[in-house]
Amino acid sequence: MGLLVALKFVFLIFAVLSGFTLLAGLYRPWWALWFMDYMNRLLVIKIYGVAVLIFAGLYFGLSEILRIFFEI
Protein backbone atom coordinates (compact mmCIF):
# COMPACT_ATOMS: atom_id res chain seq x y z
CA MET A 1 0.00 0.00 0.00
CA GLY A 2 2.87 2.38 0.74
CA LEU A 3 4.22 1.93 -2.78
CA LEU A 4 0.83 2.84 -4.26
CA VAL A 5 0.67 6.00 -2.17
CA ALA A 6 4.17 6.94 -3.34
CA LEU A 7 3.19 6.23 -6.95
CA LYS A 8 0.11 8.41 -6.51
CA PHE A 9 2.35 11.22 -5.26
CA VAL A 10 4.68 10.81 -8.27
CA PHE A 11 1.70 11.05 -10.65
CA LEU A 12 0.58 14.22 -8.87
CA ILE A 13 4.04 15.77 -9.22
CA PHE A 14 4.20 14.88 -12.93
CA ALA A 15 0.71 16.32 -13.50
CA VAL A 16 1.61 19.59 -11.75
CA LEU A 17 4.94 19.91 -13.58
CA SER A 18 3.25 19.20 -16.91
CA GLY A 19 0.64 21.83 -16.08
CA PHE A 20 3.28 24.44 -15.28
CA THR A 21 5.15 23.58 -18.47
CA LEU A 22 1.89 23.85 -20.41
CA LEU A 23 1.27 27.34 -19.03
CA ALA A 24 4.87 28.41 -19.68
CA GLY A 25 4.68 26.97 -23.19
CA LEU A 26 1.51 28.89 -23.95
CA TYR A 27 3.36 32.07 -23.03
CA ARG A 28 6.62 31.20 -24.83
CA PRO A 29 6.53 27.96 -26.85
CA TRP A 30 10.34 27.82 -26.91
CA TRP A 31 10.42 27.19 -23.13
CA ALA A 32 8.39 24.01 -23.50
CA LEU A 33 9.51 22.76 -26.91
CA TRP A 34 13.22 23.62 -26.89
CA PHE A 35 14.03 20.14 -28.23
CA MET A 36 11.99 20.52 -31.46
CA ASP A 37 12.73 22.40 -34.67
CA TYR A 38 9.16 23.58 -35.19
CA MET A 39 7.43 25.22 -32.21
CA ASN A 40 3.94 26.64 -31.81
CA ARG A 41 1.27 26.79 -29.14
CA LEU A 42 -0.83 24.03 -30.67
CA LEU A 43 2.06 21.58 -30.28
CA VAL A 44 2.46 22.68 -26.66
CA ILE A 45 -1.21 21.94 -26.02
CA LYS A 46 -0.98 18.58 -27.79
CA ILE A 47 2.13 17.37 -25.97
CA TYR A 48 1.74 18.82 -22.48
CA GLY A 49 -2.06 18.92 -22.44
CA VAL A 50 -2.18 15.19 -23.10
CA ALA A 51 0.49 14.64 -20.45
CA VAL A 52 -1.55 16.60 -17.89
CA LEU A 53 -4.67 14.60 -18.72
CA ILE A 54 -2.85 11.26 -18.51
CA PHE A 55 -1.05 11.98 -15.24
CA ALA A 56 -4.11 13.57 -13.62
CA GLY A 57 -6.22 10.61 -14.74
CA LEU A 58 -3.70 8.17 -13.29
CA TYR A 59 -3.60 10.16 -10.04
CA PHE A 60 -7.37 10.25 -9.61
CA GLY A 61 -7.75 6.65 -10.78
CA LEU A 62 -5.19 5.45 -8.27
CA SER A 63 -6.89 7.55 -5.60
CA GLU A 64 -10.16 5.74 -6.29
CA ILE A 65 -8.46 2.34 -6.25
CA LEU A 66 -6.86 3.14 -2.89
CA ARG A 67 -10.16 4.43 -1.54
CA ILE A 68 -12.12 1.37 -2.65
CA PHE A 69 -9.68 -1.38 -1.74
CA PHE A 70 -7.77 0.09 1.18
CA GLU A 71 -10.26 2.70 2.49
CA ILE A 72 -7.70 5.51 2.60
PDB file of N, CA and C in Angstrom:
ATOM      1  N   MET A   1       0.819  -1.190   0.000  1.00  0.00           N
ATOM      2  CA  MET A   1       0.000   0.000   0.000  1.00  0.00           C
ATOM      3  C   MET A   1       0.865   1.257   0.000  1.00  0.00           C
ATOM      4  N   GLY A   2       1.998   1.215   0.698  1.00  0.00           N
ATOM      5  CA  GLY A   2       2.872   2.382   0.735  1.00  0.00           C
ATOM      6  C   GLY A   2       3.435   2.733  -0.629  1.00  0.00           C
ATOM      7  N   LEU A   3       3.710   1.700  -1.438  1.00  0.00           N
ATOM      8  CA  LEU A   3       4.216   1.935  -2.781  1.00  0.00           C
ATOM      9  C   LEU A   3       3.161   2.605  -3.654  1.00  0.00           C
ATOM     10  N   LEU A   4       1.904   2.221  -3.482  1.00  0.00           N
ATOM     11  CA  LEU A   4       0.830   2.836  -4.261  1.00  0.00           C
ATOM     12  C   LEU A   4       0.632   4.297  -3.877  1.00  0.00           C
ATOM     13  N   VAL A   5       0.776   4.606  -2.615  1.00  0.00           N
ATOM     14  CA  VAL A   5       0.665   6.001  -2.170  1.00  0.00           C
ATOM     15  C   VAL A   5       1.820   6.822  -2.742  1.00  0.00           C
ATOM     16  N   ALA A   6       3.017   6.246  -2.761  1.00  0.00           N
ATOM     17  CA  ALA A   6       4.169   6.937  -3.339  1.00  0.00           C
ATOM     18  C   ALA A   6       3.981   7.127  -4.840  1.00  0.00           C
ATOM     19  N   LEU A   7       3.446   6.123  -5.518  1.00  0.00           N
ATOM     20  CA  LEU A   7       3.194   6.226  -6.952  1.00  0.00           C
ATOM     21  C   LEU A   7       2.138   7.286  -7.241  1.00  0.00           C
ATOM     22  N   LYS A   8       1.136   7.367  -6.380  1.00  0.00           N
ATOM     23  CA  LYS A   8       0.106   8.406  -6.507  1.00  0.00           C
ATOM     24  C   LYS A   8       0.732   9.793  -6.384  1.00  0.00           C
ATOM     25  N   PHE A   9       1.663   9.945  -5.448  1.00  0.00           N
ATOM     26  CA  PHE A   9       2.351  11.222  -5.265  1.00  0.00           C
ATOM     27  C   PHE A   9       3.209  11.567  -6.486  1.00  0.00           C
ATOM     28  N   VAL A  10       3.863  10.582  -7.070  1.00  0.00           N
ATOM     29  CA  VAL A  10       4.676  10.807  -8.275  1.00  0.00           C
ATOM     30  C   VAL A  10       3.788  11.261  -9.428  1.00  0.00           C
ATOM     31  N   PHE A  11       2.625  10.633  -9.600  1.00  0.00           N
ATOM     32  CA  PHE A  11       1.699  11.053 -10.654  1.00  0.00           C
ATOM     33  C   PHE A  11       1.219  12.482 -10.427  1.00  0.00           C
ATOM     34  N   LEU A  12       0.991  12.855  -9.176  1.00  0.00           N
ATOM     35  CA  LEU A  12       0.578  14.224  -8.869  1.00  0.00           C
ATOM     36  C   LEU A  12       1.683  15.215  -9.227  1.00  0.00           C
ATOM     37  N   ILE A  13       2.921  14.887  -8.889  1.00  0.00           N
ATOM     38  CA  ILE A  13       4.044  15.772  -9.216  1.00  0.00           C
ATOM     39  C   ILE A  13       4.183  15.925 -10.725  1.00  0.00           C
ATOM     40  N   PHE A  14       4.100  14.810 -11.466  1.00  0.00           N
ATOM     41  CA  PHE A  14       4.202  14.883 -12.925  1.00  0.00           C
ATOM     42  C   PHE A  14       3.059  15.694 -13.527  1.00  0.00           C
ATOM     43  N   ALA A  15       1.853  15.554 -12.991  1.00  0.00           N
ATOM     44  CA  ALA A  15       0.714  16.319 -13.499  1.00  0.00           C
ATOM     45  C   ALA A  15       0.912  17.812 -13.254  1.00  0.00           C
ATOM     46  N   VAL A  16       1.385  18.174 -12.069  1.00  0.00           N
ATOM     47  CA  VAL A  16       1.607  19.593 -11.751  1.00  0.00           C
ATOM     48  C   VAL A  16       2.737  20.167 -12.605  1.00  0.00           C
ATOM     49  N   LEU A  17       3.828  19.430 -12.750  1.00  0.00           N
ATOM     50  CA  LEU A  17       4.938  19.912 -13.580  1.00  0.00           C
ATOM     51  C   LEU A  17       4.524  20.042 -15.044  1.00  0.00           C
ATOM     52  N   SER A  18       3.744  19.100 -15.536  1.00  0.00           N
ATOM     53  CA  SER A  18       3.250  19.197 -16.907  1.00  0.00           C
ATOM     54  C   SER A  18       2.320  20.399 -17.059  1.00  0.00           C
ATOM     55  N   GLY A  19       1.523  20.667 -16.036  1.00  0.00           N
ATOM     56  CA  GLY A  19       0.643  21.835 -16.078  1.00  0.00           C
ATOM     57  C   GLY A  19       1.416  23.142 -16.094  1.00  0.00           C
ATOM     58  N   PHE A  20       2.452  23.238 -15.263  1.00  0.00           N
ATOM     59  CA  PHE A  20       3.283  24.443 -15.280  1.00  0.00           C
ATOM     60  C   PHE A  20       3.999  24.608 -16.616  1.00  0.00           C
ATOM     61  N   THR A  21       4.483  23.510 -17.175  1.00  0.00           N
ATOM     62  CA  THR A  21       5.149  23.577 -18.473  1.00  0.00           C
ATOM     63  C   THR A  21       4.156  23.955 -19.564  1.00  0.00           C
ATOM     64  N   LEU A  22       2.927  23.470 -19.456  1.00  0.00           N
ATOM     65  CA  LEU A  22       1.886  23.848 -20.408  1.00  0.00           C
ATOM     66  C   LEU A  22       1.630  25.346 -20.357  1.00  0.00           C
ATOM     67  N   LEU A  23       1.506  25.894 -19.160  1.00  0.00           N
ATOM     68  CA  LEU A  23       1.273  27.338 -19.032  1.00  0.00           C
ATOM     69  C   LEU A  23       2.463  28.145 -19.532  1.00  0.00           C
ATOM     70  N   ALA A  24       3.673  27.707 -19.201  1.00  0.00           N
ATOM     71  CA  ALA A  24       4.865  28.408 -19.678  1.00  0.00           C
ATOM     72  C   ALA A  24       4.973  28.308 -21.194  1.00  0.00           C
ATOM     73  N   GLY A  25       4.612  27.152 -21.748  1.00  0.00           N
ATOM     74  CA  GLY A  25       4.677  26.969 -23.193  1.00  0.00           C
ATOM     75  C   GLY A  25       3.628  27.763 -23.938  1.00  0.00           C
ATOM     76  N   LEU A  26       2.503  28.037 -23.304  1.00  0.00           N
ATOM     77  CA  LEU A  26       1.512  28.888 -23.947  1.00  0.00           C
ATOM     78  C   LEU A  26       1.986  30.336 -23.995  1.00  0.00           C
ATOM     79  N   TYR A  27       2.794  30.721 -23.035  1.00  0.00           N
ATOM     80  CA  TYR A  27       3.360  32.069 -23.034  1.00  0.00           C
ATOM     81  C   TYR A  27       4.519  32.165 -24.026  1.00  0.00           C
ATOM     82  N   ARG A  28       5.474  31.269 -23.916  1.00  0.00           N
ATOM     83  CA  ARG A  28       6.620  31.198 -24.826  1.00  0.00           C
ATOM     84  C   ARG A  28       6.824  29.742 -25.238  1.00  0.00           C
ATOM     85  N   PRO A  29       6.411  29.363 -26.441  1.00  0.00           N
ATOM     86  CA  PRO A  29       6.533  27.959 -26.853  1.00  0.00           C
ATOM     87  C   PRO A  29       7.968  27.430 -26.806  1.00  0.00           C
ATOM     88  N   TRP A  30       8.948  28.282 -26.932  1.00  0.00           N
ATOM     89  CA  TRP A  30      10.338  27.824 -26.906  1.00  0.00           C
ATOM     90  C   TRP A  30      10.693  27.206 -25.558  1.00  0.00           C
ATOM     91  N   TRP A  31      10.115  27.723 -24.468  1.00  0.00           N
ATOM     92  CA  TRP A  31      10.418  27.190 -23.131  1.00  0.00           C
ATOM     93  C   TRP A  31       9.993  25.733 -22.995  1.00  0.00           C
ATOM     94  N   ALA A  32       8.898  25.370 -23.639  1.00  0.00           N
ATOM     95  CA  ALA A  32       8.389  24.008 -23.501  1.00  0.00           C
ATOM     96  C   ALA A  32       8.899  23.075 -24.594  1.00  0.00           C
ATOM     97  N   LEU A  33       9.141  23.604 -25.767  1.00  0.00           N
ATOM     98  CA  LEU A  33       9.511  22.762 -26.911  1.00  0.00           C
ATOM     99  C   LEU A  33      10.916  23.081 -27.404  1.00  0.00           C
ATOM    100  N   TRP A  34      11.850  23.267 -26.511  1.00  0.00           N
ATOM    101  CA  TRP A  34      13.216  23.617 -26.890  1.00  0.00           C
ATOM    102  C   TRP A  34      13.896  22.506 -27.669  1.00  0.00           C
ATOM    103  N   PHE A  35      13.397  21.283 -27.581  1.00  0.00           N
ATOM    104  CA  PHE A  35      14.025  20.136 -28.227  1.00  0.00           C
ATOM    105  C   PHE A  35      13.516  19.908 -29.650  1.00  0.00           C
ATOM    106  N   MET A  36      12.568  20.712 -30.125  1.00  0.00           N
ATOM    107  CA  MET A  36      11.994  20.524 -31.459  1.00  0.00           C
ATOM    108  C   MET A  36      12.411  21.655 -32.382  1.00  0.00           C
ATOM    109  N   ASP A  37      12.402  21.375 -33.682  1.00  0.00           N
ATOM    110  CA  ASP A  37      12.728  22.402 -34.669  1.00  0.00           C
ATOM    111  C   ASP A  37      11.548  23.344 -34.908  1.00  0.00           C
ATOM    112  N   TYR A  38      10.353  22.802 -34.913  1.00  0.00           N
ATOM    113  CA  TYR A  38       9.155  23.580 -35.186  1.00  0.00           C
ATOM    114  C   TYR A  38       8.369  23.732 -33.893  1.00  0.00           C
ATOM    115  N   MET A  39       8.091  24.974 -33.487  1.00  0.00           N
ATOM    116  CA  MET A  39       7.429  25.223 -32.206  1.00  0.00           C
ATOM    117  C   MET A  39       6.234  26.156 -32.398  1.00  0.00           C
ATOM    118  N   ASN A  40       5.082  25.743 -31.903  1.00  0.00           N
ATOM    119  CA  ASN A  40       3.943  26.640 -31.814  1.00  0.00           C
ATOM    120  C   ASN A  40       3.076  26.229 -30.629  1.00  0.00           C
ATOM    121  N   ARG A  41       2.080  27.021 -30.338  1.00  0.00           N
ATOM    122  CA  ARG A  41       1.272  26.786 -29.140  1.00  0.00           C
ATOM    123  C   ARG A  41       0.391  25.545 -29.263  1.00  0.00           C
ATOM    124  N   LEU A  42      -0.016  25.222 -30.481  1.00  0.00           N
ATOM    125  CA  LEU A  42      -0.833  24.027 -30.667  1.00  0.00           C
ATOM    126  C   LEU A  42      -0.048  22.764 -30.316  1.00  0.00           C
ATOM    127  N   LEU A  43       1.225  22.724 -30.666  1.00  0.00           N
ATOM    128  CA  LEU A  43       2.064  21.583 -30.282  1.00  0.00           C
ATOM    129  C   LEU A  43       2.242  21.511 -28.769  1.00  0.00           C
ATOM    130  N   VAL A  44       2.351  22.662 -28.122  1.00  0.00           N
ATOM    131  CA  VAL A  44       2.461  22.683 -26.658  1.00  0.00           C
ATOM    132  C   VAL A  44       1.206  22.082 -26.037  1.00  0.00           C
ATOM    133  N   ILE A  45       0.042  22.477 -26.546  1.00  0.00           N
ATOM    134  CA  ILE A  45      -1.212  21.944 -26.016  1.00  0.00           C
ATOM    135  C   ILE A  45      -1.311  20.449 -26.275  1.00  0.00           C
ATOM    136  N   LYS A  46      -0.900  20.012 -27.471  1.00  0.00           N
ATOM    137  CA  LYS A  46      -0.979  18.581 -27.790  1.00  0.00           C
ATOM    138  C   LYS A  46      -0.073  17.757 -26.885  1.00  0.00           C
ATOM    139  N   ILE A  47       1.158  18.170 -26.722  1.00  0.00           N
ATOM    140  CA  ILE A  47       2.127  17.372 -25.966  1.00  0.00           C
ATOM    141  C   ILE A  47       1.857  17.457 -24.468  1.00  0.00           C
ATOM    142  N   TYR A  48       1.848  18.672 -23.935  1.00  0.00           N
ATOM    143  CA  TYR A  48       1.741  18.819 -22.482  1.00  0.00           C
ATOM    144  C   TYR A  48       0.301  18.738 -21.983  1.00  0.00           C
ATOM    145  N   GLY A  49      -0.662  19.089 -22.825  1.00  0.00           N
ATOM    146  CA  GLY A  49      -2.056  18.920 -22.435  1.00  0.00           C
ATOM    147  C   GLY A  49      -2.424  17.452 -22.279  1.00  0.00           C
ATOM    148  N   VAL A  50      -1.951  16.637 -23.213  1.00  0.00           N
ATOM    149  CA  VAL A  50      -2.185  15.194 -23.105  1.00  0.00           C
ATOM    150  C   VAL A  50      -1.463  14.633 -21.884  1.00  0.00           C
ATOM    151  N   ALA A  51      -0.252  15.112 -21.621  1.00  0.00           N
ATOM    152  CA  ALA A  51       0.493  14.643 -20.447  1.00  0.00           C
ATOM    153  C   ALA A  51      -0.247  14.996 -19.155  1.00  0.00           C
ATOM    154  N   VAL A  52      -0.789  16.204 -19.079  1.00  0.00           N
ATOM    155  CA  VAL A  52      -1.554  16.599 -17.887  1.00  0.00           C
ATOM    156  C   VAL A  52      -2.772  15.698 -17.720  1.00  0.00           C
ATOM    157  N   LEU A  53      -3.484  15.451 -18.810  1.00  0.00           N
ATOM    158  CA  LEU A  53      -4.674  14.596 -18.718  1.00  0.00           C
ATOM    159  C   LEU A  53      -4.322  13.172 -18.302  1.00  0.00           C
ATOM    160  N   ILE A  54      -3.249  12.633 -18.853  1.00  0.00           N
ATOM    161  CA  ILE A  54      -2.852  11.262 -18.511  1.00  0.00           C
ATOM    162  C   ILE A  54      -2.432  11.167 -17.048  1.00  0.00           C
ATOM    163  N   PHE A  55      -1.540  12.057 -16.617  1.00  0.00           N
ATOM    164  CA  PHE A  55      -1.052  11.979 -15.237  1.00  0.00           C
ATOM    165  C   PHE A  55      -2.145  12.302 -14.224  1.00  0.00           C
ATOM    166  N   ALA A  56      -3.005  13.267 -14.534  1.00  0.00           N
ATOM    167  CA  ALA A  56      -4.113  13.572 -13.622  1.00  0.00           C
ATOM    168  C   ALA A  56      -5.096  12.404 -13.576  1.00  0.00           C
ATOM    169  N   GLY A  57      -5.347  11.781 -14.724  1.00  0.00           N
ATOM    170  CA  GLY A  57      -6.217  10.608 -14.745  1.00  0.00           C
ATOM    171  C   GLY A  57      -5.646   9.453 -13.947  1.00  0.00           C
ATOM    172  N   LEU A  58      -4.342   9.224 -14.076  1.00  0.00           N
ATOM    173  CA  LEU A  58      -3.699   8.172 -13.291  1.00  0.00           C
ATOM    174  C   LEU A  58      -3.750   8.487 -11.799  1.00  0.00           C
ATOM    175  N   TYR A  59      -3.548   9.761 -11.451  1.00  0.00           N
ATOM    176  CA  TYR A  59      -3.596  10.160 -10.045  1.00  0.00           C
ATOM    177  C   TYR A  59      -4.986   9.912  -9.456  1.00  0.00           C
ATOM    178  N   PHE A  60      -6.019  10.403 -10.144  1.00  0.00           N
ATOM    179  CA  PHE A  60      -7.372  10.246  -9.613  1.00  0.00           C
ATOM    180  C   PHE A  60      -7.842   8.794  -9.684  1.00  0.00           C
ATOM    181  N   GLY A  61      -7.414   8.069 -10.711  1.00  0.00           N
ATOM    182  CA  GLY A  61      -7.753   6.652 -10.785  1.00  0.00           C
ATOM    183  C   GLY A  61      -7.130   5.861  -9.654  1.00  0.00           C
ATOM    184  N   LEU A  62      -5.867   6.132  -9.376  1.00  0.00           N
ATOM    185  CA  LEU A  62      -5.195   5.446  -8.273  1.00  0.00           C
ATOM    186  C   LEU A  62      -5.787   5.863  -6.928  1.00  0.00           C
ATOM    187  N   SER A  63      -6.226   7.109  -6.827  1.00  0.00           N
ATOM    188  CA  SER A  63      -6.894   7.554  -5.597  1.00  0.00           C
ATOM    189  C   SER A  63      -8.173   6.756  -5.358  1.00  0.00           C
ATOM    190  N   GLU A  64      -8.927   6.518  -6.423  1.00  0.00           N
ATOM    191  CA  GLU A  64     -10.159   5.741  -6.288  1.00  0.00           C
ATOM    192  C   GLU A  64      -9.863   4.287  -5.943  1.00  0.00           C
ATOM    193  N   ILE A  65      -8.836   3.723  -6.560  1.00  0.00           N
ATOM    194  CA  ILE A  65      -8.460   2.340  -6.246  1.00  0.00           C
ATOM    195  C   ILE A  65      -8.058   2.225  -4.783  1.00  0.00           C
ATOM    196  N   LEU A  66      -7.265   3.170  -4.299  1.00  0.00           N
ATOM    197  CA  LEU A  66      -6.862   3.144  -2.893  1.00  0.00           C
ATOM    198  C   LEU A  66      -8.055   3.334  -1.963  1.00  0.00           C
ATOM    199  N   ARG A  67      -8.979   4.197  -2.371  1.00  0.00           N
ATOM    200  CA  ARG A  67     -10.157   4.434  -1.535  1.00  0.00           C
ATOM    201  C   ARG A  67     -11.041   3.194  -1.479  1.00  0.00           C
ATOM    202  N   ILE A  68     -11.224   2.531  -2.604  1.00  0.00           N
ATOM    203  CA  ILE A  68     -12.116   1.374  -2.653  1.00  0.00           C
ATOM    204  C   ILE A  68     -11.511   0.169  -1.937  1.00  0.00           C
ATOM    205  N   PHE A  69     -10.262  -0.147  -2.262  1.00  0.00           N
ATOM    206  CA  PHE A  69      -9.680  -1.382  -1.744  1.00  0.00           C
ATOM    207  C   PHE A  69      -9.049  -1.238  -0.363  1.00  0.00           C
ATOM    208  N   PHE A  70      -8.480  -0.070  -0.080  1.00  0.00           N
ATOM    209  CA  PHE A  70      -7.765   0.089   1.183  1.00  0.00           C
ATOM    210  C   PHE A  70      -8.428   1.076   2.130  1.00  0.00           C
ATOM    211  N   GLU A  71      -9.495   1.731   1.694  1.00  0.00           N
ATOM    212  CA  GLU A  71     -10.258   2.696   2.493  1.00  0.00           C
ATOM    213  C   GLU A  71      -9.374   3.794   3.067  1.00  0.00           C
ATOM    214  N   ILE A  72      -8.563   4.396   2.181  1.00  0.00           N
ATOM    215  CA  ILE A  72      -7.701   5.512   2.604  1.00  0.00           C
ATOM    216  C   ILE A  72      -8.422   6.803   2.284  1.00  0.00           C
TER     217      ILE A  72
END
